[in-house]
Amino acid sequence: MTDIDPQDSLITYPCDFPIKVMGKAHEHLVQTLVEVVQGFDPGFDPASVEQRPSSRGNYLGLTFVVHVVSREQLDALYRALHAHDMVSIVL
Protein backbone atom coordinates (compact mmCIF):
# COMPACT_ATOMS: atom_id res chain seq x y z
CA MET A 1 0.00 0.00 0.00
CA THR A 2 1.40 3.41 -0.90
CA ASP A 3 1.88 6.04 1.75
CA ILE A 4 -0.28 9.12 1.39
CA ASP A 5 1.06 12.41 2.60
CA PRO A 6 -1.28 13.73 5.35
CA GLN A 7 -1.65 16.94 3.32
CA ASP A 8 -3.01 14.88 0.38
CA SER A 9 -5.51 12.89 2.44
CA LEU A 10 -9.19 13.76 2.18
CA ILE A 11 -9.66 12.60 5.78
CA THR A 12 -8.51 14.65 8.75
CA TYR A 13 -7.51 12.55 11.75
CA PRO A 14 -8.73 11.94 14.37
CA CYS A 15 -12.33 11.54 13.20
CA ASP A 16 -15.41 9.36 13.37
CA PHE A 17 -15.55 7.36 10.15
CA PRO A 18 -18.41 5.18 8.84
CA ILE A 19 -17.52 1.74 7.52
CA LYS A 20 -20.17 -0.29 5.72
CA VAL A 21 -19.95 -4.07 5.77
CA MET A 22 -22.15 -6.71 4.16
CA GLY A 23 -22.19 -10.37 5.06
CA LYS A 24 -24.46 -13.39 4.88
CA ALA A 25 -27.12 -13.19 7.56
CA HIS A 26 -25.90 -15.19 10.57
CA GLU A 27 -26.91 -15.03 14.21
CA HIS A 28 -23.34 -14.20 15.28
CA LEU A 29 -22.40 -11.79 12.46
CA VAL A 30 -22.96 -8.55 14.38
CA GLN A 31 -21.24 -9.65 17.61
CA THR A 32 -18.31 -11.18 15.74
CA LEU A 33 -17.67 -8.03 13.70
CA VAL A 34 -18.18 -5.77 16.73
CA GLU A 35 -15.29 -7.66 18.35
CA VAL A 36 -13.12 -7.03 15.28
CA VAL A 37 -13.98 -3.31 15.33
CA GLN A 38 -13.34 -3.04 19.08
CA GLY A 39 -9.85 -4.41 18.47
CA PHE A 40 -9.12 -1.17 16.58
CA ASP A 41 -11.47 1.18 18.50
CA PRO A 42 -11.78 -0.05 22.10
CA GLY A 43 -14.37 2.64 22.86
CA PHE A 44 -16.71 1.50 20.08
CA ASP A 45 -20.34 1.20 21.27
CA PRO A 46 -22.01 -1.98 19.94
CA ALA A 47 -25.43 -0.33 20.31
CA SER A 48 -24.46 2.15 17.57
CA VAL A 49 -24.29 -0.49 14.80
CA GLU A 50 -26.85 0.18 12.08
CA GLN A 51 -28.35 -2.99 10.60
CA ARG A 52 -30.18 -3.39 7.28
CA PRO A 53 -31.32 -6.82 6.12
CA SER A 54 -31.46 -7.52 2.39
CA SER A 55 -34.88 -7.78 0.76
CA ARG A 56 -34.83 -11.58 1.00
CA GLY A 57 -33.08 -11.66 4.37
CA ASN A 58 -30.06 -13.56 3.06
CA TYR A 59 -27.59 -10.75 3.75
CA LEU A 60 -27.16 -8.13 6.44
CA GLY A 61 -25.71 -4.68 5.84
CA LEU A 62 -23.96 -3.11 8.82
CA THR A 63 -22.58 0.37 9.41
CA PHE A 64 -19.92 0.90 12.06
CA VAL A 65 -18.96 4.49 12.89
CA VAL A 66 -15.47 4.11 14.31
CA HIS A 67 -13.14 6.64 15.90
CA VAL A 68 -9.90 6.56 13.95
CA VAL A 69 -6.72 8.44 14.76
CA SER A 70 -4.59 7.58 11.72
CA ARG A 71 -4.63 6.32 8.17
CA GLU A 72 -2.73 3.24 9.34
CA GLN A 73 -5.44 2.38 11.88
CA LEU A 74 -8.20 2.80 9.28
CA ASP A 75 -6.34 0.72 6.68
CA ALA A 76 -5.66 -2.06 9.20
CA LEU A 77 -9.34 -2.16 10.20
CA TYR A 78 -10.43 -2.36 6.55
CA ARG A 79 -7.97 -5.20 5.95
CA ALA A 80 -9.15 -7.11 9.04
CA LEU A 81 -12.80 -6.79 8.07
CA HIS A 82 -12.14 -7.65 4.42
CA ALA A 83 -10.18 -10.77 5.42
CA HIS A 84 -12.90 -12.04 7.77
CA ASP A 85 -14.71 -15.10 6.38
CA MET A 86 -18.15 -13.78 7.43
CA VAL A 87 -17.70 -10.59 5.36
CA SER A 88 -18.70 -10.31 1.70
CA ILE A 89 -18.04 -6.60 1.08
CA VAL A 90 -16.42 -3.68 2.95
CA LEU A 91 -17.03 -0.10 1.80
PDB file of N, CA and C in Angstrom:
ATOM      1  N   MET A   1       0.846  -1.167   0.000  1.00  0.00           N
ATOM      2  CA  MET A   1       0.000   0.000   0.000  1.00  0.00           C
ATOM      3  C   MET A   1       0.894   1.233   0.000  1.00  0.00           C
ATOM      4  N   THR A   2       0.569   2.221  -0.817  1.00  0.00           N
ATOM      5  CA  THR A   2       1.397   3.414  -0.902  1.00  0.00           C
ATOM      6  C   THR A   2       1.063   4.374   0.232  1.00  0.00           C
ATOM      7  N   ASP A   3       2.090   5.045   0.706  1.00  0.00           N
ATOM      8  CA  ASP A   3       1.881   6.040   1.750  1.00  0.00           C
ATOM      9  C   ASP A   3       1.300   7.298   1.134  1.00  0.00           C
ATOM     10  N   ILE A   4       0.341   7.878   1.837  1.00  0.00           N
ATOM     11  CA  ILE A   4      -0.282   9.118   1.389  1.00  0.00           C
ATOM     12  C   ILE A   4       0.147  10.215   2.349  1.00  0.00           C
ATOM     13  N   ASP A   5       0.675  11.272   1.790  1.00  0.00           N
ATOM     14  CA  ASP A   5       1.064  12.411   2.605  1.00  0.00           C
ATOM     15  C   ASP A   5      -0.182  12.949   3.307  1.00  0.00           C
ATOM     16  N   PRO A   6      -0.105  13.216   4.625  1.00  0.00           N
ATOM     17  CA  PRO A   6      -1.284  13.729   5.347  1.00  0.00           C
ATOM     18  C   PRO A   6      -1.912  14.955   4.688  1.00  0.00           C
ATOM     19  N   GLN A   7      -1.107  15.763   4.002  1.00  0.00           N
ATOM     20  CA  GLN A   7      -1.647  16.936   3.316  1.00  0.00           C
ATOM     21  C   GLN A   7      -2.493  16.547   2.113  1.00  0.00           C
ATOM     22  N   ASP A   8      -2.269  15.337   1.555  1.00  0.00           N
ATOM     23  CA  ASP A   8      -3.006  14.882   0.383  1.00  0.00           C
ATOM     24  C   ASP A   8      -4.237  14.056   0.741  1.00  0.00           C
ATOM     25  N   SER A   9      -4.381  13.710   2.004  1.00  0.00           N
ATOM     26  CA  SER A   9      -5.508  12.894   2.439  1.00  0.00           C
ATOM     27  C   SER A   9      -6.785  13.718   2.473  1.00  0.00           C
ATOM     28  N   LEU A  10      -7.890  13.096   2.106  1.00  0.00           N
ATOM     29  CA  LEU A  10      -9.192  13.761   2.179  1.00  0.00           C
ATOM     30  C   LEU A  10      -9.802  13.627   3.569  1.00  0.00           C
ATOM     31  N   ILE A  11      -9.169  12.842   4.426  1.00  0.00           N
ATOM     32  CA  ILE A  11      -9.656  12.605   5.781  1.00  0.00           C
ATOM     33  C   ILE A  11      -8.715  13.291   6.759  1.00  0.00           C
ATOM     34  N   THR A  12      -9.285  14.020   7.697  1.00  0.00           N
ATOM     35  CA  THR A  12      -8.509  14.651   8.749  1.00  0.00           C
ATOM     36  C   THR A  12      -8.645  13.807  10.003  1.00  0.00           C
ATOM     37  N   TYR A  13      -7.526  13.402  10.561  1.00  0.00           N
ATOM     38  CA  TYR A  13      -7.514  12.550  11.749  1.00  0.00           C
ATOM     39  C   TYR A  13      -7.217  13.384  12.981  1.00  0.00           C
ATOM     40  N   PRO A  14      -7.767  13.016  14.125  1.00  0.00           N
ATOM     41  CA  PRO A  14      -8.725  11.935  14.371  1.00  0.00           C
ATOM     42  C   PRO A  14     -10.115  12.327  13.881  1.00  0.00           C
ATOM     43  N   CYS A  15     -10.953  11.295  13.632  1.00  0.00           N
ATOM     44  CA  CYS A  15     -12.327  11.543  13.200  1.00  0.00           C
ATOM     45  C   CYS A  15     -13.176  10.292  13.426  1.00  0.00           C
ATOM     46  N   ASP A  16     -14.481  10.486  13.345  1.00  0.00           N
ATOM     47  CA  ASP A  16     -15.415   9.364  13.372  1.00  0.00           C
ATOM     48  C   ASP A  16     -15.712   9.021  11.918  1.00  0.00           C
ATOM     49  N   PHE A  17     -15.497   7.761  11.553  1.00  0.00           N
ATOM     50  CA  PHE A  17     -15.549   7.363  10.151  1.00  0.00           C
ATOM     51  C   PHE A  17     -16.500   6.185   9.970  1.00  0.00           C
ATOM     52  N   PRO A  18     -17.475   6.302   9.061  1.00  0.00           N
ATOM     53  CA  PRO A  18     -18.408   5.184   8.838  1.00  0.00           C
ATOM     54  C   PRO A  18     -17.813   4.111   7.924  1.00  0.00           C
ATOM     55  N   ILE A  19     -17.948   2.871   8.341  1.00  0.00           N
ATOM     56  CA  ILE A  19     -17.515   1.742   7.524  1.00  0.00           C
ATOM     57  C   ILE A  19     -18.729   0.847   7.311  1.00  0.00           C
ATOM     58  N   LYS A  20     -19.028   0.568   6.058  1.00  0.00           N
ATOM     59  CA  LYS A  20     -20.169  -0.287   5.718  1.00  0.00           C
ATOM     60  C   LYS A  20     -19.660  -1.682   5.379  1.00  0.00           C
ATOM     61  N   VAL A  21     -20.340  -2.673   5.943  1.00  0.00           N
ATOM     62  CA  VAL A  21     -19.951  -4.068   5.766  1.00  0.00           C
ATOM     63  C   VAL A  21     -21.190  -4.858   5.388  1.00  0.00           C
ATOM     64  N   MET A  22     -21.042  -5.816   4.489  1.00  0.00           N
ATOM     65  CA  MET A  22     -22.147  -6.714   4.159  1.00  0.00           C
ATOM     66  C   MET A  22     -21.656  -8.145   4.299  1.00  0.00           C
ATOM     67  N   GLY A  23     -22.512  -8.963   4.902  1.00  0.00           N
ATOM     68  CA  GLY A  23     -22.188 -10.373   5.057  1.00  0.00           C
ATOM     69  C   GLY A  23     -23.450 -11.205   5.015  1.00  0.00           C
ATOM     70  N   LYS A  24     -23.297 -12.503   4.842  1.00  0.00           N
ATOM     71  CA  LYS A  24     -24.455 -13.392   4.877  1.00  0.00           C
ATOM     72  C   LYS A  24     -25.082 -13.311   6.259  1.00  0.00           C
ATOM     73  N   ALA A  25     -26.406 -13.272   6.289  1.00  0.00           N
ATOM     74  CA  ALA A  25     -27.117 -13.194   7.563  1.00  0.00           C
ATOM     75  C   ALA A  25     -26.751 -14.408   8.422  1.00  0.00           C
ATOM     76  N   HIS A  26     -26.317 -14.142   9.633  1.00  0.00           N
ATOM     77  CA  HIS A  26     -25.903 -15.194  10.566  1.00  0.00           C
ATOM     78  C   HIS A  26     -26.125 -14.647  11.966  1.00  0.00           C
ATOM     79  N   GLU A  27     -26.565 -15.494  12.868  1.00  0.00           N
ATOM     80  CA  GLU A  27     -26.908 -15.031  14.205  1.00  0.00           C
ATOM     81  C   GLU A  27     -25.734 -14.404  14.953  1.00  0.00           C
ATOM     82  N   HIS A  28     -24.501 -14.735  14.580  1.00  0.00           N
ATOM     83  CA  HIS A  28     -23.337 -14.196  15.279  1.00  0.00           C
ATOM     84  C   HIS A  28     -22.589 -13.131  14.476  1.00  0.00           C
ATOM     85  N   LEU A  29     -23.111 -12.738  13.328  1.00  0.00           N
ATOM     86  CA  LEU A  29     -22.403 -11.787  12.465  1.00  0.00           C
ATOM     87  C   LEU A  29     -22.111 -10.478  13.184  1.00  0.00           C
ATOM     88  N   VAL A  30     -23.135  -9.866  13.767  1.00  0.00           N
ATOM     89  CA  VAL A  30     -22.957  -8.545  14.380  1.00  0.00           C
ATOM     90  C   VAL A  30     -21.948  -8.627  15.523  1.00  0.00           C
ATOM     91  N   GLN A  31     -22.129  -9.550  16.450  1.00  0.00           N
ATOM     92  CA  GLN A  31     -21.239  -9.648  17.606  1.00  0.00           C
ATOM     93  C   GLN A  31     -19.799  -9.952  17.177  1.00  0.00           C
ATOM     94  N   THR A  32     -19.652 -10.819  16.213  1.00  0.00           N
ATOM     95  CA  THR A  32     -18.308 -11.175  15.741  1.00  0.00           C
ATOM     96  C   THR A  32     -17.597  -9.965  15.155  1.00  0.00           C
ATOM     97  N   LEU A  33     -18.310  -9.188  14.330  1.00  0.00           N
ATOM     98  CA  LEU A  33     -17.670  -8.029  13.701  1.00  0.00           C
ATOM     99  C   LEU A  33     -17.491  -6.878  14.684  1.00  0.00           C
ATOM    100  N   VAL A  34     -18.377  -6.763  15.673  1.00  0.00           N
ATOM    101  CA  VAL A  34     -18.181  -5.769  16.734  1.00  0.00           C
ATOM    102  C   VAL A  34     -16.851  -6.045  17.439  1.00  0.00           C
ATOM    103  N   GLU A  35     -16.551  -7.306  17.694  1.00  0.00           N
ATOM    104  CA  GLU A  35     -15.294  -7.658  18.347  1.00  0.00           C
ATOM    105  C   GLU A  35     -14.094  -7.274  17.488  1.00  0.00           C
ATOM    106  N   VAL A  36     -14.206  -7.446  16.180  1.00  0.00           N
ATOM    107  CA  VAL A  36     -13.124  -7.028  15.281  1.00  0.00           C
ATOM    108  C   VAL A  36     -12.941  -5.517  15.369  1.00  0.00           C
ATOM    109  N   VAL A  37     -14.045  -4.781  15.278  1.00  0.00           N
ATOM    110  CA  VAL A  37     -13.984  -3.314  15.329  1.00  0.00           C
ATOM    111  C   VAL A  37     -13.409  -2.844  16.661  1.00  0.00           C
ATOM    112  N   GLN A  38     -13.830  -3.451  17.765  1.00  0.00           N
ATOM    113  CA  GLN A  38     -13.340  -3.040  19.082  1.00  0.00           C
ATOM    114  C   GLN A  38     -11.843  -3.301  19.241  1.00  0.00           C
ATOM    115  N   GLY A  39     -11.298  -4.202  18.450  1.00  0.00           N
ATOM    116  CA  GLY A  39      -9.854  -4.410  18.466  1.00  0.00           C
ATOM    117  C   GLY A  39      -9.090  -3.203  17.943  1.00  0.00           C
ATOM    118  N   PHE A  40      -9.749  -2.368  17.149  1.00  0.00           N
ATOM    119  CA  PHE A  40      -9.124  -1.171  16.585  1.00  0.00           C
ATOM    120  C   PHE A  40      -9.646   0.107  17.232  1.00  0.00           C
ATOM    121  N   ASP A  41     -10.850   0.044  17.810  1.00  0.00           N
ATOM    122  CA  ASP A  41     -11.467   1.179  18.496  1.00  0.00           C
ATOM    123  C   ASP A  41     -12.091   0.645  19.787  1.00  0.00           C
ATOM    124  N   PRO A  42     -11.283   0.547  20.856  1.00  0.00           N
ATOM    125  CA  PRO A  42     -11.780  -0.049  22.103  1.00  0.00           C
ATOM    126  C   PRO A  42     -13.003   0.647  22.689  1.00  0.00           C
ATOM    127  N   GLY A  43     -13.221   1.904  22.344  1.00  0.00           N
ATOM    128  CA  GLY A  43     -14.375   2.636  22.860  1.00  0.00           C
ATOM    129  C   GLY A  43     -15.627   2.492  22.006  1.00  0.00           C
ATOM    130  N   PHE A  44     -15.562   1.646  20.980  1.00  0.00           N
ATOM    131  CA  PHE A  44     -16.708   1.495  20.081  1.00  0.00           C
ATOM    132  C   PHE A  44     -17.918   0.972  20.842  1.00  0.00           C
ATOM    133  N   ASP A  45     -19.081   1.586  20.607  1.00  0.00           N
ATOM    134  CA  ASP A  45     -20.336   1.200  21.272  1.00  0.00           C
ATOM    135  C   ASP A  45     -21.123   0.250  20.368  1.00  0.00           C
ATOM    136  N   PRO A  46     -21.270  -1.004  20.763  1.00  0.00           N
ATOM    137  CA  PRO A  46     -22.007  -1.978  19.940  1.00  0.00           C
ATOM    138  C   PRO A  46     -23.453  -1.561  19.647  1.00  0.00           C
ATOM    139  N   ALA A  47     -24.046  -0.766  20.520  1.00  0.00           N
ATOM    140  CA  ALA A  47     -25.427  -0.325  20.308  1.00  0.00           C
ATOM    141  C   ALA A  47     -25.546   0.642  19.130  1.00  0.00           C
ATOM    142  N   SER A  48     -24.418   1.175  18.659  1.00  0.00           N
ATOM    143  CA  SER A  48     -24.461   2.154  17.566  1.00  0.00           C
ATOM    144  C   SER A  48     -24.457   1.506  16.181  1.00  0.00           C
ATOM    145  N   VAL A  49     -24.337   0.190  16.105  1.00  0.00           N
ATOM    146  CA  VAL A  49     -24.291  -0.489  14.801  1.00  0.00           C
ATOM    147  C   VAL A  49     -25.648  -0.369  14.111  1.00  0.00           C
ATOM    148  N   GLU A  50     -25.633   0.140  12.892  1.00  0.00           N
ATOM    149  CA  GLU A  50     -26.854   0.182  12.084  1.00  0.00           C
ATOM    150  C   GLU A  50     -26.941  -1.113  11.295  1.00  0.00           C
ATOM    151  N   GLN A  51     -28.145  -1.721  11.292  1.00  0.00           N
ATOM    152  CA  GLN A  51     -28.346  -2.990  10.600  1.00  0.00           C
ATOM    153  C   GLN A  51     -29.447  -2.849   9.558  1.00  0.00           C
ATOM    154  N   ARG A  52     -29.205  -3.405   8.358  1.00  0.00           N
ATOM    155  CA  ARG A  52     -30.177  -3.388   7.276  1.00  0.00           C
ATOM    156  C   ARG A  52     -30.188  -4.749   6.603  1.00  0.00           C
ATOM    157  N   PRO A  53     -31.246  -5.525   6.803  1.00  0.00           N
ATOM    158  CA  PRO A  53     -31.318  -6.822   6.122  1.00  0.00           C
ATOM    159  C   PRO A  53     -31.618  -6.628   4.639  1.00  0.00           C
ATOM    160  N   SER A  54     -31.139  -7.559   3.815  1.00  0.00           N
ATOM    161  CA  SER A  54     -31.456  -7.522   2.391  1.00  0.00           C
ATOM    162  C   SER A  54     -32.932  -7.838   2.210  1.00  0.00           C
ATOM    163  N   SER A  55     -33.447  -7.600   1.019  1.00  0.00           N
ATOM    164  CA  SER A  55     -34.882  -7.783   0.763  1.00  0.00           C
ATOM    165  C   SER A  55     -35.339  -9.217   1.010  1.00  0.00           C
ATOM    166  N   ARG A  56     -34.467 -10.176   0.771  1.00  0.00           N
ATOM    167  CA  ARG A  56     -34.827 -11.581   1.000  1.00  0.00           C
ATOM    168  C   ARG A  56     -34.313 -12.106   2.337  1.00  0.00           C
ATOM    169  N   GLY A  57     -33.576 -11.257   3.062  1.00  0.00           N
ATOM    170  CA  GLY A  57     -33.079 -11.658   4.367  1.00  0.00           C
ATOM    171  C   GLY A  57     -31.857 -12.554   4.332  1.00  0.00           C
ATOM    172  N   ASN A  58     -31.249 -12.712   3.162  1.00  0.00           N
ATOM    173  CA  ASN A  58     -30.065 -13.561   3.058  1.00  0.00           C
ATOM    174  C   ASN A  58     -28.786 -12.860   3.499  1.00  0.00           C
ATOM    175  N   TYR A  59     -28.768 -11.543   3.407  1.00  0.00           N
ATOM    176  CA  TYR A  59     -27.592 -10.749   3.752  1.00  0.00           C
ATOM    177  C   TYR A  59     -27.978  -9.689   4.769  1.00  0.00           C
ATOM    178  N   LEU A  60     -26.951  -9.199   5.471  1.00  0.00           N
ATOM    179  CA  LEU A  60     -27.162  -8.134   6.443  1.00  0.00           C
ATOM    180  C   LEU A  60     -26.124  -7.056   6.183  1.00  0.00           C
ATOM    181  N   GLY A  61     -26.596  -5.827   5.996  1.00  0.00           N
ATOM    182  CA  GLY A  61     -25.711  -4.681   5.844  1.00  0.00           C
ATOM    183  C   GLY A  61     -25.514  -4.041   7.200  1.00  0.00           C
ATOM    184  N   LEU A  62     -24.285  -3.708   7.532  1.00  0.00           N
ATOM    185  CA  LEU A  62     -23.955  -3.114   8.815  1.00  0.00           C
ATOM    186  C   LEU A  62     -23.152  -1.847   8.601  1.00  0.00           C
ATOM    187  N   THR A  63     -23.407  -0.837   9.427  1.00  0.00           N
ATOM    188  CA  THR A  63     -22.585   0.369   9.415  1.00  0.00           C
ATOM    189  C   THR A  63     -21.992   0.546  10.798  1.00  0.00           C
ATOM    190  N   PHE A  64     -20.661   0.649  10.835  1.00  0.00           N
ATOM    191  CA  PHE A  64     -19.919   0.901  12.058  1.00  0.00           C
ATOM    192  C   PHE A  64     -19.318   2.290  11.943  1.00  0.00           C
ATOM    193  N   VAL A  65     -19.611   3.181  12.874  1.00  0.00           N
ATOM    194  CA  VAL A  65     -18.957   4.487  12.886  1.00  0.00           C
ATOM    195  C   VAL A  65     -17.852   4.395  13.940  1.00  0.00           C
ATOM    196  N   VAL A  66     -16.620   4.338  13.441  1.00  0.00           N
ATOM    197  CA  VAL A  66     -15.472   4.112  14.315  1.00  0.00           C
ATOM    198  C   VAL A  66     -14.653   5.389  14.485  1.00  0.00           C
ATOM    199  N   HIS A  67     -14.037   5.509  15.643  1.00  0.00           N
ATOM    200  CA  HIS A  67     -13.139   6.644  15.901  1.00  0.00           C
ATOM    201  C   HIS A  67     -11.741   6.222  15.464  1.00  0.00           C
ATOM    202  N   VAL A  68     -11.230   6.888  14.458  1.00  0.00           N
ATOM    203  CA  VAL A  68      -9.900   6.559  13.950  1.00  0.00           C
ATOM    204  C   VAL A  68      -8.956   7.736  14.171  1.00  0.00           C
ATOM    205  N   VAL A  69      -7.706   7.400  14.475  1.00  0.00           N
ATOM    206  CA  VAL A  69      -6.722   8.436  14.762  1.00  0.00           C
ATOM    207  C   VAL A  69      -5.636   8.523  13.694  1.00  0.00           C
ATOM    208  N   SER A  70      -5.628   7.548  12.764  1.00  0.00           N
ATOM    209  CA  SER A  70      -4.593   7.576  11.725  1.00  0.00           C
ATOM    210  C   SER A  70      -5.041   6.784  10.506  1.00  0.00           C
ATOM    211  N   ARG A  71      -4.394   7.060   9.414  1.00  0.00           N
ATOM    212  CA  ARG A  71      -4.634   6.318   8.172  1.00  0.00           C
ATOM    213  C   ARG A  71      -4.265   4.844   8.363  1.00  0.00           C
ATOM    214  N   GLU A  72      -3.183   4.601   9.101  1.00  0.00           N
ATOM    215  CA  GLU A  72      -2.726   3.238   9.338  1.00  0.00           C
ATOM    216  C   GLU A  72      -3.781   2.432  10.102  1.00  0.00           C
ATOM    217  N   GLN A  73      -4.396   3.050  11.103  1.00  0.00           N
ATOM    218  CA  GLN A  73      -5.437   2.376  11.880  1.00  0.00           C
ATOM    219  C   GLN A  73      -6.629   2.050  10.983  1.00  0.00           C
ATOM    220  N   LEU A  74      -7.058   3.002  10.177  1.00  0.00           N
ATOM    221  CA  LEU A  74      -8.195   2.800   9.284  1.00  0.00           C
ATOM    222  C   LEU A  74      -7.902   1.710   8.259  1.00  0.00           C
ATOM    223  N   ASP A  75      -6.720   1.746   7.666  1.00  0.00           N
ATOM    224  CA  ASP A  75      -6.339   0.718   6.683  1.00  0.00           C
ATOM    225  C   ASP A  75      -6.296  -0.666   7.315  1.00  0.00           C
ATOM    226  N   ALA A  76      -5.753  -0.769   8.510  1.00  0.00           N
ATOM    227  CA  ALA A  76      -5.660  -2.062   9.197  1.00  0.00           C
ATOM    228  C   ALA A  76      -7.050  -2.603   9.524  1.00  0.00           C
ATOM    229  N   LEU A  77      -7.967  -1.733   9.915  1.00  0.00           N
ATOM    230  CA  LEU A  77      -9.336  -2.161  10.200  1.00  0.00           C
ATOM    231  C   LEU A  77     -10.012  -2.653   8.926  1.00  0.00           C
ATOM    232  N   TYR A  78      -9.871  -1.923   7.836  1.00  0.00           N
ATOM    233  CA  TYR A  78     -10.426  -2.360   6.552  1.00  0.00           C
ATOM    234  C   TYR A  78      -9.882  -3.734   6.162  1.00  0.00           C
ATOM    235  N   ARG A  79      -8.575  -3.917   6.309  1.00  0.00           N
ATOM    236  CA  ARG A  79      -7.966  -5.197   5.952  1.00  0.00           C
ATOM    237  C   ARG A  79      -8.503  -6.335   6.826  1.00  0.00           C
ATOM    238  N   ALA A  80      -8.648  -6.083   8.127  1.00  0.00           N
ATOM    239  CA  ALA A  80      -9.147  -7.113   9.042  1.00  0.00           C
ATOM    240  C   ALA A  80     -10.583  -7.492   8.704  1.00  0.00           C
ATOM    241  N   LEU A  81     -11.415  -6.497   8.423  1.00  0.00           N
ATOM    242  CA  LEU A  81     -12.802  -6.794   8.069  1.00  0.00           C
ATOM    243  C   LEU A  81     -12.869  -7.524   6.728  1.00  0.00           C
ATOM    244  N   HIS A  82     -12.125  -7.049   5.755  1.00  0.00           N
ATOM    245  CA  HIS A  82     -12.140  -7.654   4.421  1.00  0.00           C
ATOM    246  C   HIS A  82     -11.678  -9.109   4.456  1.00  0.00           C
ATOM    247  N   ALA A  83     -10.731  -9.420   5.331  1.00  0.00           N
ATOM    248  CA  ALA A  83     -10.184 -10.766   5.416  1.00  0.00           C
ATOM    249  C   ALA A  83     -11.078 -11.725   6.204  1.00  0.00           C
ATOM    250  N   HIS A  84     -12.061 -11.187   6.932  1.00  0.00           N
ATOM    251  CA  HIS A  84     -12.899 -12.043   7.769  1.00  0.00           C
ATOM    252  C   HIS A  84     -13.816 -12.902   6.899  1.00  0.00           C
ATOM    253  N   ASP A  85     -13.930 -14.185   7.225  1.00  0.00           N
ATOM    254  CA  ASP A  85     -14.709 -15.101   6.379  1.00  0.00           C
ATOM    255  C   ASP A  85     -16.214 -14.863   6.427  1.00  0.00           C
ATOM    256  N   MET A  86     -16.709 -14.073   7.375  1.00  0.00           N
ATOM    257  CA  MET A  86     -18.149 -13.782   7.432  1.00  0.00           C
ATOM    258  C   MET A  86     -18.509 -12.547   6.603  1.00  0.00           C
ATOM    259  N   VAL A  87     -17.507 -11.861   6.076  1.00  0.00           N
ATOM    260  CA  VAL A  87     -17.702 -10.589   5.360  1.00  0.00           C
ATOM    261  C   VAL A  87     -17.665 -10.809   3.851  1.00  0.00           C
ATOM    262  N   SER A  88     -18.669 -10.259   3.163  1.00  0.00           N
ATOM    263  CA  SER A  88     -18.697 -10.311   1.697  1.00  0.00           C
ATOM    264  C   SER A  88     -18.109  -9.055   1.076  1.00  0.00           C
ATOM    265  N   ILE A  89     -18.447  -7.880   1.648  1.00  0.00           N
ATOM    266  CA  ILE A  89     -18.036  -6.597   1.078  1.00  0.00           C
ATOM    267  C   ILE A  89     -17.753  -5.615   2.203  1.00  0.00           C
ATOM    268  N   VAL A  90     -16.714  -4.783   2.024  1.00  0.00           N
ATOM    269  CA  VAL A  90     -16.421  -3.681   2.946  1.00  0.00           C
ATOM    270  C   VAL A  90     -16.338  -2.418   2.103  1.00  0.00           C
ATOM    271  N   LEU A  91     -17.059  -1.393   2.512  1.00  0.00           N
ATOM    272  CA  LEU A  91     -17.032  -0.097   1.803  1.00  0.00           C
ATOM    273  C   LEU A  91     -16.629   0.991   2.769  1.00  0.00           C
TER     274      LEU A  91
END
